[in-house]
Amino acid sequence: MSKYLIVVALGLLVATGAQAAGSAGRGMELSKTCQACHGADGNGVGDPQYPILAGQYHDYLAQALKSYRSGARQNVIMQGFAGTLSDQDIADLAAYFSSQKSNLGDLAGQ
């Protein structure tokens, strides 16, 4: 019986850890709201007031969204969007955008 409980507990820990890391697939679905300003893959829409998210560090993206959600970071538009996100939504969005190839390297030669 105790071996069974240990196996179940370890399974729950693994599942929780995987969920906390974020799902890039789910993040891609959630990112549809972000596309108007940040582009389909997070590489922007050509307007410098909207930052490129593709290729950014996962933890940076997650912290930025949490800061918008809490109001610690000020931007009316982003606070409105981030205010509706759960911690898991934030992890998923961060997983998606951090996994995208950034076009910033392409801009260096221009």
PDB file of N, CA and C in Angstrom:
ATOM      1  N   MET A   1       0.819  -1.198   0.000  1.00  0.00           N
ATOM      2  CA  MET A   1       0.000   0.000   0.000  1.00  0.00           C
ATOM      3  C   MET A   1       0.860   1.258   0.000  1.00  0.00           C
ATOM      4  N   SER A   2       1.933   1.275   0.807  1.00  0.00           N
ATOM      5  CA  SER A   2       2.764   2.477   0.871  1.00  0.00           C
ATOM      6  C   SER A   2       3.511   2.702  -0.439  1.00  0.00           C
ATOM      7  N   LYS A   3       3.894   1.614  -1.143  1.00  0.00           N
ATOM      8  CA  LYS A   3       4.544   1.773  -2.446  1.00  0.00           C
ATOM      9  C   LYS A   3       3.575   2.415  -3.444  1.00  0.00           C
ATOM     10  N   TYR A   4       2.328   2.016  -3.361  1.00  0.00           N
ATOM     11  CA  TYR A   4       1.307   2.578  -4.235  1.00  0.00           C
ATOM     12  C   TYR A   4       1.160   4.079  -3.998  1.00  0.00           C
ATOM     13  N   LEU A   5       1.130   4.497  -2.744  1.00  0.00           N
ATOM     14  CA  LEU A   5       1.004   5.919  -2.417  1.00  0.00           C
ATOM     15  C   LEU A   5       2.208   6.705  -2.902  1.00  0.00           C
ATOM     16  N   ILE A   6       3.388   6.119  -2.796  1.00  0.00           N
ATOM     17  CA  ILE A   6       4.601   6.796  -3.268  1.00  0.00           C
ATOM     18  C   ILE A   6       4.533   6.987  -4.785  1.00  0.00           C
ATOM     19  N   VAL A   7       4.112   5.954  -5.499  1.00  0.00           N
ATOM     20  CA  VAL A   7       4.000   6.049  -6.957  1.00  0.00           C
ATOM     21  C   VAL A   7       2.978   7.114  -7.349  1.00  0.00           C
ATOM     22  N   VAL A   8       1.850   7.136  -6.683  1.00  0.00           N
ATOM     23  CA  VAL A   8       0.822   8.139  -6.968  1.00  0.00           C
ATOM     24  C   VAL A   8       1.344   9.539  -6.668  1.00  0.00           C
ATOM     25  N   ALA A   9       2.009   9.701  -5.530  1.00  0.00           N
ATOM     26  CA  ALA A   9       2.549  11.013  -5.159  1.00  0.00           C
ATOM     27  C   ALA A   9       3.587  11.483  -6.168  1.00  0.00           C
ATOM     28  N   LEU A  10       4.474  10.593  -6.599  1.00  0.00           N
ATOM     29  CA  LEU A  10       5.478  10.968  -7.599  1.00  0.00           C
ATOM     30  C   LEU A  10       4.820  11.327  -8.927  1.00  0.00           C
ATOM     31  N   GLY A  11       3.789  10.591  -9.295  1.00  0.00           N
ATOM     32  CA  GLY A  11       3.060  10.905 -10.524  1.00  0.00           C
ATOM     33  C   GLY A  11       2.430  12.283 -10.475  1.00  0.00           C
ATOM     34  N   LEU A  12       1.867  12.630  -9.340  1.00  0.00           N
ATOM     35  CA  LEU A  12       1.269  13.961  -9.183  1.00  0.00           C
ATOM     36  C   LEU A  12       2.323  15.052  -9.242  1.00  0.00           C
ATOM     37  N   LEU A  13       3.483  14.804  -8.645  1.00  0.00           N
ATOM     38  CA  LEU A  13       4.561  15.795  -8.689  1.00  0.00           C
ATOM     39  C   LEU A  13       5.039  16.018 -10.115  1.00  0.00           C
ATOM     40  N   VAL A  14       5.205  14.952 -10.865  1.00  0.00           N
ATOM     41  CA  VAL A  14       5.645  15.076 -12.252  1.00  0.00           C
ATOM     42  C   VAL A  14       4.598  15.819 -13.072  1.00  0.00           C
ATOM     43  N   ALA A  15       3.339  15.469 -12.905  1.00  0.00           N
ATOM     44  CA  ALA A  15       2.268  16.134 -13.657  1.00  0.00           C
ATOM     45  C   ALA A  15       2.183  17.606 -13.312  1.00  0.00           C
ATOM     46  N   THR A  16       2.323  17.950 -12.049  1.00  0.00           N
ATOM     47  CA  THR A  16       2.270  19.345 -11.622  1.00  0.00           C
ATOM     48  C   THR A  16       3.446  20.124 -12.180  1.00  0.00           C
ATOM     49  N   GLY A  17       4.632  19.532 -12.167  1.00  0.00           N
ATOM     50  CA  GLY A  17       5.813  20.194 -12.704  1.00  0.00           C
ATOM     51  C   GLY A  17       5.692  20.456 -14.186  1.00  0.00           C
ATOM     52  N   ALA A  18       5.151  19.484 -14.917  1.00  0.00           N
ATOM     53  CA  ALA A  18       4.984  19.659 -16.361  1.00  0.00           C
ATOM     54  C   ALA A  18       3.981  20.766 -16.649  1.00  0.00           C
ATOM     55  N   GLN A  19       2.924  20.831 -15.874  1.00  0.00           N
ATOM     56  CA  GLN A  19       1.917  21.858 -16.087  1.00  0.00           C
ATOM     57  C   GLN A  19       2.492  23.237 -15.779  1.00  0.00           C
ATOM     58  N   ALA A  20       3.257  23.363 -14.706  1.00  0.00           N
ATOM     59  CA  ALA A  20       3.819  24.654 -14.313  1.00  0.00           C
ATOM     60  C   ALA A  20       4.789  25.177 -15.365  1.00  0.00           C
ATOM     61  N   ALA A  21       5.474  24.266 -16.076  1.00  0.00           N
ATOM     62  CA  ALA A  21       6.437  24.681 -17.086  1.00  0.00           C
ATOM     63  C   ALA A  21       5.750  25.337 -18.274  1.00  0.00           C
ATOM     64  N   GLY A  22       4.525  24.990 -18.516  1.00  0.00           N
ATOM     65  CA  GLY A  22       3.782  25.595 -19.606  1.00  0.00           C
ATOM     66  C   GLY A  22       3.746  24.724 -20.844  1.00  0.00           C
ATOM     67  N   SER A  23       2.672  24.843 -21.564  1.00  0.00           N
ATOM     68  CA  SER A  23       2.459  24.101 -22.799  1.00  0.00           C
ATOM     69  C   SER A  23       2.518  25.075 -23.969  1.00  0.00           C
ATOM     70  N   ALA A  24       3.523  24.904 -24.823  1.00  0.00           N
ATOM     71  CA  ALA A  24       3.646  25.785 -25.982  1.00  0.00           C
ATOM     72  C   ALA A  24       2.440  25.643 -26.908  1.00  0.00           C
ATOM     73  N   GLY A  25       1.883  24.436 -27.001  1.00  0.00           N
ATOM     74  CA  GLY A  25       0.705  24.221 -27.843  1.00  0.00           C
ATOM     75  C   GLY A  25      -0.496  25.011 -27.351  1.00  0.00           C
ATOM     76  N   ARG A  26      -0.726  24.952 -26.055  1.00  0.00           N
ATOM     77  CA  ARG A  26      -1.838  25.729 -25.490  1.00  0.00           C
ATOM     78  C   ARG A  26      -1.521  27.220 -25.583  1.00  0.00           C
ATOM     79  N   GLY A  27      -0.258  27.585 -25.384  1.00  0.00           N
ATOM     80  CA  GLY A  27       0.148  28.978 -25.509  1.00  0.00           C
ATOM     81  C   GLY A  27      -0.107  29.525 -26.900  1.00  0.00           C
ATOM     82  N   MET A  28       0.089  28.677 -27.919  1.00  0.00           N
ATOM     83  CA  MET A  28      -0.180  29.107 -29.289  1.00  0.00           C
ATOM     84  C   MET A  28      -1.661  29.449 -29.452  1.00  0.00           C
ATOM     85  N   GLU A  29      -2.532  28.640 -28.863  1.00  0.00           N
ATOM     86  CA  GLU A  29      -3.967  28.935 -28.921  1.00  0.00           C
ATOM     87  C   GLU A  29      -4.285  30.246 -28.197  1.00  0.00           C
ATOM     88  N   LEU A  30      -3.716  30.423 -27.018  1.00  0.00           N
ATOM     89  CA  LEU A  30      -3.960  31.647 -26.244  1.00  0.00           C
ATOM     90  C   LEU A  30      -3.396  32.880 -26.938  1.00  0.00           C
ATOM     91  N   SER A  31      -2.337  32.699 -27.717  1.00  0.00           N
ATOM     92  CA  SER A  31      -1.647  33.839 -28.338  1.00  0.00           C
ATOM     93  C   SER A  31      -2.466  34.517 -29.425  1.00  0.00           C
ATOM     94  N   LYS A  32      -3.562  33.923 -29.836  1.00  0.00           N
ATOM     95  CA  LYS A  32      -4.393  34.547 -30.874  1.00  0.00           C
ATOM     96  C   LYS A  32      -4.841  35.940 -30.448  1.00  0.00           C
ATOM     97  N   THR A  33      -5.020  36.141 -29.155  1.00  0.00           N
ATOM     98  CA  THR A  33      -5.390  37.455 -28.629  1.00  0.00           C
ATOM     99  C   THR A  33      -4.235  38.442 -28.783  1.00  0.00           C
ATOM    100  N   CYS A  34      -3.016  37.948 -28.787  1.00  0.00           N
ATOM    101  CA  CYS A  34      -1.812  38.789 -28.817  1.00  0.00           C
ATOM    102  C   CYS A  34      -1.401  39.187 -30.237  1.00  0.00           C
ATOM    103  N   GLN A  35      -1.918  38.476 -31.229  1.00  0.00           N
ATOM    104  CA  GLN A  35      -1.413  38.600 -32.590  1.00  0.00           C
ATOM    105  C   GLN A  35      -1.604  39.968 -33.230  1.00  0.00           C
ATOM    106  N   ALA A  36      -2.649  40.670 -32.897  1.00  0.00           N
ATOM    107  CA  ALA A  36      -2.891  41.971 -33.530  1.00  0.00           C
ATOM    108  C   ALA A  36      -1.746  42.941 -33.271  1.00  0.00           C
ATOM    109  N   CYS A  37      -1.163  42.881 -32.090  1.00  0.00           N
ATOM    110  CA  CYS A  37      -0.080  43.803 -31.734  1.00  0.00           C
ATOM    111  C   CYS A  37       1.309  43.172 -31.843  1.00  0.00           C
ATOM    112  N   HIS A  38       1.417  41.885 -31.516  1.00  0.00           N
ATOM    113  CA  HIS A  38       2.731  41.244 -31.432  1.00  0.00           C
ATOM    114  C   HIS A  38       3.029  40.307 -32.600  1.00  0.00           C
ATOM    115  N   GLY A  39       2.107  40.181 -33.540  1.00  0.00           N
ATOM    116  CA  GLY A  39       2.321  39.332 -34.705  1.00  0.00           C
ATOM    117  C   GLY A  39       1.948  37.881 -34.453  1.00  0.00           C
ATOM    118  N   ALA A  40       1.759  37.142 -35.550  1.00  0.00           N
ATOM    119  CA  ALA A  40       1.284  35.761 -35.469  1.00  0.00           C
ATOM    120  C   ALA A  40       2.223  34.866 -34.673  1.00  0.00           C
ATOM    121  N   ASP A  41       3.523  35.095 -34.765  1.00  0.00           N
ATOM    122  CA  ASP A  41       4.478  34.250 -34.049  1.00  0.00           C
ATOM    123  C   ASP A  41       5.272  35.040 -33.011  1.00  0.00           C
ATOM    124  N   GLY A  42       4.813  36.247 -32.716  1.00  0.00           N
ATOM    125  CA  GLY A  42       5.489  37.069 -31.717  1.00  0.00           C
ATOM    126  C   GLY A  42       6.609  37.924 -32.267  1.00  0.00           C
ATOM    127  N   ASN A  43       6.750  37.969 -33.597  1.00  0.00           N
ATOM    128  CA  ASN A  43       7.813  38.760 -34.210  1.00  0.00           C
ATOM    129  C   ASN A  43       7.376  40.167 -34.587  1.00  0.00           C
ATOM    130  N   GLY A  44       6.287  40.611 -34.018  1.00  0.00           N
ATOM    131  CA  GLY A  44       5.855  41.984 -34.208  1.00  0.00           C
ATOM    132  C   GLY A  44       5.074  42.202 -35.486  1.00  0.00           C
ATOM    133  N   VAL A  45       4.593  43.427 -35.610  1.00  0.00           N
ATOM    134  CA  VAL A  45       3.800  43.826 -36.775  1.00  0.00           C
ATOM    135  C   VAL A  45       4.422  45.036 -37.471  1.00  0.00           C
ATOM    136  N   GLY A  46       5.670  45.316 -37.160  1.00  0.00           N
ATOM    137  CA  GLY A  46       6.354  46.434 -37.789  1.00  0.00           C
ATOM    138  C   GLY A  46       6.198  47.757 -37.079  1.00  0.00           C
ATOM    139  N   ASP A  47       5.522  47.768 -35.949  1.00  0.00           N
ATOM    140  CA  ASP A  47       5.327  48.985 -35.163  1.00  0.00           C
ATOM    141  C   ASP A  47       6.180  48.871 -33.899  1.00  0.00           C
ATOM    142  N   PRO A  48       7.172  49.746 -33.744  1.00  0.00           N
ATOM    143  CA  PRO A  48       8.093  49.613 -32.610  1.00  0.00           C
ATOM    144  C   PRO A  48       7.462  49.785 -31.228  1.00  0.00           C
ATOM    145  N   GLN A  49       6.232  50.286 -31.158  1.00  0.00           N
ATOM    146  CA  GLN A  49       5.619  50.419 -29.836  1.00  0.00           C
ATOM    147  C   GLN A  49       5.168  49.066 -29.278  1.00  0.00           C
ATOM    148  N   TYR A  50       5.129  48.026 -30.148  1.00  0.00           N
ATOM    149  CA  TYR A  50       4.748  46.681 -29.712  1.00  0.00           C
ATOM    150  C   TYR A  50       5.987  45.792 -29.747  1.00  0.00           C
ATOM    151  N   PRO A  51       6.459  45.350 -28.603  1.00  0.00           N
ATOM    152  CA  PRO A  51       7.712  44.588 -28.568  1.00  0.00           C
ATOM    153  C   PRO A  51       7.608  43.218 -29.236  1.00  0.00           C
ATOM    154  N   ILE A  52       8.737  42.760 -29.729  1.00  0.00           N
ATOM    155  CA  ILE A  52       8.854  41.412 -30.269  1.00  0.00           C
ATOM    156  C   ILE A  52       8.976  40.453 -29.091  1.00  0.00           C
ATOM    157  N   LEU A  53       8.114  39.454 -29.055  1.00  0.00           N
ATOM    158  CA  LEU A  53       8.096  38.479 -27.964  1.00  0.00           C
ATOM    159  C   LEU A  53       8.812  37.188 -28.331  1.00  0.00           C
ATOM    160  N   ALA A  54       8.899  36.883 -29.615  1.00  0.00           N
ATOM    161  CA  ALA A  54       9.512  35.634 -30.067  1.00  0.00           C
ATOM    162  C   ALA A  54      10.962  35.555 -29.603  1.00  0.00           C
ATOM    163  N   GLY A  55      11.300  34.408 -29.029  1.00  0.00           N
ATOM    164  CA  GLY A  55      12.673  34.172 -28.608  1.00  0.00           C
ATOM    165  C   GLY A  55      13.062  34.801 -27.285  1.00  0.00           C
ATOM    166  N   GLN A  56      12.156  35.516 -26.649  1.00  0.00           N
ATOM    167  CA  GLN A  56      12.458  36.093 -25.333  1.00  0.00           C
ATOM    168  C   GLN A  56      12.583  34.968 -24.309  1.00  0.00           C
ATOM    169  N   TYR A  57      13.266  35.243 -23.227  1.00  0.00           N
ATOM    170  CA  TYR A  57      13.401  34.262 -22.152  1.00  0.00           C
ATOM    171  C   TYR A  57      12.041  33.973 -21.521  1.00  0.00           C
ATOM    172  N   HIS A  58      11.782  32.694 -21.290  1.00  0.00           N
ATOM    173  CA  HIS A  58      10.525  32.242 -20.687  1.00  0.00           C
ATOM    174  C   HIS A  58      10.230  32.996 -19.401  1.00  0.00           C
ATOM    175  N   ASP A  59      11.198  33.033 -18.492  1.00  0.00           N
ATOM    176  CA  ASP A  59      10.963  33.650 -17.183  1.00  0.00           C
ATOM    177  C   ASP A  59      10.717  35.150 -17.294  1.00  0.00           C
ATOM    178  N   TYR A  60      11.374  35.807 -18.246  1.00  0.00           N
ATOM    179  CA  TYR A  60      11.141  37.236 -18.459  1.00  0.00           C
ATOM    180  C   TYR A  60       9.698  37.476 -18.909  1.00  0.00           C
ATOM    181  N   LEU A  61       9.241  36.683 -19.875  1.00  0.00           N
ATOM    182  CA  LEU A  61       7.869  36.836 -20.367  1.00  0.00           C
ATOM    183  C   LEU A  61       6.854  36.584 -19.257  1.00  0.00           C
ATOM    184  N   ALA A  62       7.081  35.520 -18.490  1.00  0.00           N
ATOM    185  CA  ALA A  62       6.154  35.188 -17.399  1.00  0.00           C
ATOM    186  C   ALA A  62       6.118  36.306 -16.366  1.00  0.00           C
ATOM    187  N   GLN A  63       7.281  36.818 -15.999  1.00  0.00           N
ATOM    188  CA  GLN A  63       7.324  37.883 -14.995  1.00  0.00           C
ATOM    189  C   GLN A  63       6.670  39.159 -15.516  1.00  0.00           C
ATOM    190  N   ALA A  64       6.892  39.477 -16.785  1.00  0.00           N
ATOM    191  CA  ALA A  64       6.274  40.674 -17.362  1.00  0.00           C
ATOM    192  C   ALA A  64       4.753  40.564 -17.320  1.00  0.00           C
ATOM    193  N   LEU A  65       4.217  39.415 -17.710  1.00  0.00           N
ATOM    194  CA  LEU A  65       2.762  39.239 -17.691  1.00  0.00           C
ATOM    195  C   LEU A  65       2.208  39.292 -16.273  1.00  0.00           C
ATOM    196  N   LYS A  66       2.920  38.700 -15.330  1.00  0.00           N
ATOM    197  CA  LYS A  66       2.470  38.751 -13.931  1.00  0.00           C
ATOM    198  C   LYS A  66       2.508  40.184 -13.406  1.00  0.00           C
ATOM    199  N   SER A  67       3.506  40.945 -13.828  1.00  0.00           N
ATOM    200  CA  SER A  67       3.612  42.342 -13.393  1.00  0.00           C
ATOM    201  C   SER A  67       2.499  43.199 -13.990  1.00  0.00           C
ATOM    202  N   TYR A  68       2.146  42.945 -15.245  1.00  0.00           N
ATOM    203  CA  TYR A  68       0.999  43.649 -15.834  1.00  0.00           C
ATOM    204  C   TYR A  68      -0.280  43.269 -15.097  1.00  0.00           C
ATOM    205  N   ARG A  69      -0.419  41.983 -14.806  1.00  0.00           N
ATOM    206  CA  ARG A  69      -1.633  41.507 -14.132  1.00  0.00           C
ATOM    207  C   ARG A  69      -1.789  42.134 -12.754  1.00  0.00           C
ATOM    208  N   SER A  70      -0.685  42.279 -12.024  1.00  0.00           N
ATOM    209  CA  SER A  70      -0.754  42.837 -10.664  1.00  0.00           C
ATOM    210  C   SER A  70      -0.819  44.359 -10.657  1.00  0.00           C
ATOM    211  N   GLY A  71      -0.479  44.983 -11.790  1.00  0.00           N
ATOM    212  CA  GLY A  71      -0.447  46.437 -11.856  1.00  0.00           C
ATOM    213  C   GLY A  71       0.919  47.016 -11.543  1.00  0.00           C
ATOM    214  N   ALA A  72       1.891  46.158 -11.221  1.00  0.00           N
ATOM    215  CA  ALA A  72       3.246  46.636 -10.944  1.00  0.00           C
ATOM    216  C   ALA A  72       3.893  47.214 -12.199  1.00  0.00           C
ATOM    217  N   ARG A  73       3.491  46.723 -13.345  1.00  0.00           N
ATOM    218  CA  ARG A  73       3.968  47.241 -14.629  1.00  0.00           C
ATOM    219  C   ARG A  73       2.776  47.918 -15.292  1.00  0.00           C
ATOM    220  N   GLN A  74       2.964  49.145 -15.731  1.00  0.00           N
ATOM    221  CA  GLN A  74       1.857  49.973 -16.211  1.00  0.00           C
ATOM    222  C   GLN A  74       1.748  49.980 -17.734  1.00  0.00           C
ATOM    223  N   ASN A  75       0.609  49.571 -18.227  1.00  0.00           N
ATOM    224  CA  ASN A  75       0.210  49.713 -19.617  1.00  0.00           C
ATOM    225  C   ASN A  75      -1.253  49.303 -19.655  1.00  0.00           C
ATOM    226  N   VAL A  76      -2.117  50.237 -19.968  1.00  0.00           N
ATOM    227  CA  VAL A  76      -3.558  49.995 -19.878  1.00  0.00           C
ATOM    228  C   VAL A  76      -3.981  48.791 -20.718  1.00  0.00           C
ATOM    229  N   ILE A  77      -3.477  48.708 -21.930  1.00  0.00           N
ATOM    230  CA  ILE A  77      -3.869  47.605 -22.810  1.00  0.00           C
ATOM    231  C   ILE A  77      -3.387  46.274 -22.242  1.00  0.00           C
ATOM    232  N   MET A  78      -2.112  46.202 -21.873  1.00  0.00           N
ATOM    233  CA  MET A  78      -1.562  44.942 -21.365  1.00  0.00           C
ATOM    234  C   MET A  78      -2.164  44.566 -20.017  1.00  0.00           C
ATOM    235  N   GLN A  79      -2.450  45.541 -19.188  1.00  0.00           N
ATOM    236  CA  GLN A  79      -3.086  45.228 -17.903  1.00  0.00           C
ATOM    237  C   GLN A  79      -4.460  44.609 -18.129  1.00  0.00           C
ATOM    238  N   GLY A  80      -5.179  45.101 -19.131  1.00  0.00           N
ATOM    239  CA  GLY A  80      -6.488  44.538 -19.449  1.00  0.00           C
ATOM    240  C   GLY A  80      -6.399  43.091 -19.905  1.00  0.00           C
ATOM    241  N   PHE A  81      -5.452  42.800 -20.784  1.00  0.00           N
ATOM    242  CA  PHE A  81      -5.292  41.426 -21.262  1.00  0.00           C
ATOM    243  C   PHE A  81      -4.743  40.520 -20.165  1.00  0.00           C
ATOM    244  N   ALA A  82      -3.682  40.953 -19.504  1.00  0.00           N
ATOM    245  CA  ALA A  82      -3.034  40.106 -18.492  1.00  0.00           C
ATOM    246  C   ALA A  82      -3.928  39.883 -17.278  1.00  0.00           C
ATOM    247  N   GLY A  83      -4.819  40.819 -17.017  1.00  0.00           N
ATOM    248  CA  GLY A  83      -5.706  40.692 -15.869  1.00  0.00           C
ATOM    249  C   GLY A  83      -6.622  39.488 -15.939  1.00  0.00           C
ATOM    250  N   THR A  84      -6.815  38.954 -17.140  1.00  0.00           N
ATOM    251  CA  THR A  84      -7.694  37.791 -17.314  1.00  0.00           C
ATOM    252  C   THR A  84      -6.935  36.470 -17.298  1.00  0.00           C
ATOM    253  N   LEU A  85      -5.606  36.523 -17.226  1.00  0.00           N
ATOM    254  CA  LEU A  85      -4.794  35.311 -17.342  1.00  0.00           C
ATOM    255  C   LEU A  85      -4.566  34.627 -15.998  1.00  0.00           C
ATOM    256  N   SER A  86      -4.639  33.311 -16.004  1.00  0.00           N
ATOM    257  CA  SER A  86      -4.268  32.520 -14.826  1.00  0.00           C
ATOM    258  C   SER A  86      -2.751  32.306 -14.854  1.00  0.00           C
ATOM    259  N   ASP A  87      -2.201  31.794 -13.764  1.00  0.00           N
ATOM    260  CA  ASP A  87      -0.772  31.469 -13.741  1.00  0.00           C
ATOM    261  C   ASP A  87      -0.439  30.456 -14.834  1.00  0.00           C
ATOM    262  N   GLN A  88      -1.337  29.491 -15.060  1.00  0.00           N
ATOM    263  CA  GLN A  88      -1.089  28.486 -16.095  1.00  0.00           C
ATOM    264  C   GLN A  88      -1.142  29.111 -17.483  1.00  0.00           C
ATOM    265  N   ASP A  89      -2.069  30.033 -17.719  1.00  0.00           N
ATOM    266  CA  ASP A  89      -2.124  30.747 -19.001  1.00  0.00           C
ATOM    267  C   ASP A  89      -0.807  31.469 -19.257  1.00  0.00           C
ATOM    268  N   ILE A  90      -0.293  32.120 -18.229  1.00  0.00           N
ATOM    269  CA  ILE A  90       0.968  32.858 -18.352  1.00  0.00           C
ATOM    270  C   ILE A  90       2.110  31.906 -18.671  1.00  0.00           C
ATOM    271  N   ALA A  91       2.172  30.774 -17.980  1.00  0.00           N
ATOM    272  CA  ALA A  91       3.221  29.785 -18.247  1.00  0.00           C
ATOM    273  C   ALA A  91       3.116  29.265 -19.681  1.00  0.00           C
ATOM    274  N   ASP A  92       1.899  29.047 -20.152  1.00  0.00           N
ATOM    275  CA  ASP A  92       1.695  28.545 -21.516  1.00  0.00           C
ATOM    276  C   ASP A  92       2.097  29.586 -22.558  1.00  0.00           C
ATOM    277  N   LEU A  93       1.715  30.829 -22.359  1.00  0.00           N
ATOM    278  CA  LEU A  93       2.110  31.893 -23.289  1.00  0.00           C
ATOM    279  C   LEU A  93       3.621  32.072 -23.304  1.00  0.00           C
ATOM    280  N   ALA A  94       4.232  32.049 -22.137  1.00  0.00           N
ATOM    281  CA  ALA A  94       5.689  32.187 -22.057  1.00  0.00           C
ATOM    282  C   ALA A  94       6.376  31.019 -22.758  1.00  0.00           C
ATOM    283  N   ALA A  95       5.839  29.812 -22.603  1.00  0.00           N
ATOM    284  CA  ALA A  95       6.411  28.641 -23.276  1.00  0.00           C
ATOM    285  C   ALA A  95       6.318  28.798 -24.794  1.00  0.00           C
ATOM    286  N   TYR A  96       5.186  29.282 -25.272  1.00  0.00           N
ATOM    287  CA  TYR A  96       5.007  29.451 -26.716  1.00  0.00           C
ATOM    288  C   TYR A  96       5.943  30.517 -27.281  1.00  0.00           C
ATOM    289  N   PHE A  97       5.877  31.723 -26.735  1.00  0.00           N
ATOM    290  CA  PHE A  97       6.672  32.806 -27.311  1.00  0.00           C
ATOM    291  C   PHE A  97       8.173  32.567 -27.156  1.00  0.00           C
ATOM    292  N   SER A  98       8.597  31.975 -26.056  1.00  0.00           N
ATOM    293  CA  SER A  98      10.030  31.717 -25.880  1.00  0.00           C
ATOM    294  C   SER A  98      10.523  30.634 -26.833  1.00  0.00           C
ATOM    295  N   SER A  99       9.627  29.792 -27.340  1.00  0.00           N
ATOM    296  CA  SER A  99      10.026  28.727 -28.262  1.00  0.00           C
ATOM    297  C   SER A  99      10.056  29.188 -29.722  1.00  0.00           C
ATOM    298  N   GLN A 100       9.583  30.380 -29.992  1.00  0.00           N
ATOM    299  CA  GLN A 100       9.545  30.886 -31.365  1.00  0.00           C
ATOM    300  C   GLN A 100      10.895  31.475 -31.765  1.00  0.00           C
ATOM    301  N   LYS A 101      11.239  31.327 -33.041  1.00  0.00           N
ATOM    302  CA  LYS A 101      12.478  31.911 -33.549  1.00  0.00           C
ATOM    303  C   LYS A 101      12.266  33.411 -33.715  1.00  0.00           C
ATOM    304  N   SER A 102      13.164  34.175 -33.148  1.00  0.00           N
ATOM    305  CA  SER A 102      13.083  35.624 -33.257  1.00  0.00           C
ATOM    306  C   SER A 102      13.684  36.089 -34.576  1.00  0.00           C
ATOM    307  N   ASN A 103      13.063  37.075 -35.186  1.00  0.00           N
ATOM    308  CA  ASN A 103      13.599  37.681 -36.403  1.00  0.00           C
ATOM    309  C   ASN A 103      14.539  38.839 -36.098  1.00  0.00           C
ATOM    310  N   LEU A 104      14.836  39.072 -34.833  1.00  0.00           N
ATOM    311  CA  LEU A 104      15.721  40.186 -34.486  1.00  0.00           C
ATOM    312  C   LEU A 104      17.098  40.030 -35.110  1.00  0.00           C
ATOM    313  N   GLY A 105      17.582  38.812 -35.216  1.00  0.00           N
ATOM    314  CA  GLY A 105      18.871  38.584 -35.860  1.00  0.00           C
ATOM    315  C   GLY A 105      18.851  39.017 -37.310  1.00  0.00           C
ATOM    316  N   ASP A 106      17.701  38.865 -37.968  1.00  0.00           N
ATOM    317  CA  ASP A 106      17.556  39.275 -39.355  1.00  0.00           C
ATOM    318  C   ASP A 106      17.649  40.792 -39.495  1.00  0.00           C
ATOM    319  N   LEU A 107      17.247  41.506 -38.466  1.00  0.00           N
ATOM    320  CA  LEU A 107      17.256  42.965 -38.521  1.00  0.00           C
ATOM    321  C   LEU A 107      18.656  43.543 -38.337  1.00  0.00           C
ATOM    322  N   ALA A 108      19.554  42.783 -37.733  1.00  0.00           N
ATOM    323  CA  ALA A 108      20.894  43.294 -37.439  1.00  0.00           C
ATOM    324  C   ALA A 108      21.648  43.678 -38.705  1.00  0.00           C
ATOM    325  N   GLY A 109      21.409  42.973 -39.805  1.00  0.00           N
ATOM    326  CA  GLY A 109      22.116  43.260 -41.042  1.00  0.00           C
ATOM    327  C   GLY A 109      21.509  44.377 -41.864  1.00  0.00           C
ATOM    328  N   GLN A 110      20.395  44.916 -41.425  1.00  0.00           N
ATOM    329  CA  GLN A 110      19.720  45.959 -42.208  1.00  0.00           C
ATOM    330  C   GLN A 110      20.273  47.317 -41.914  1.00  0.00           C
TER     331      GLN A 110
END
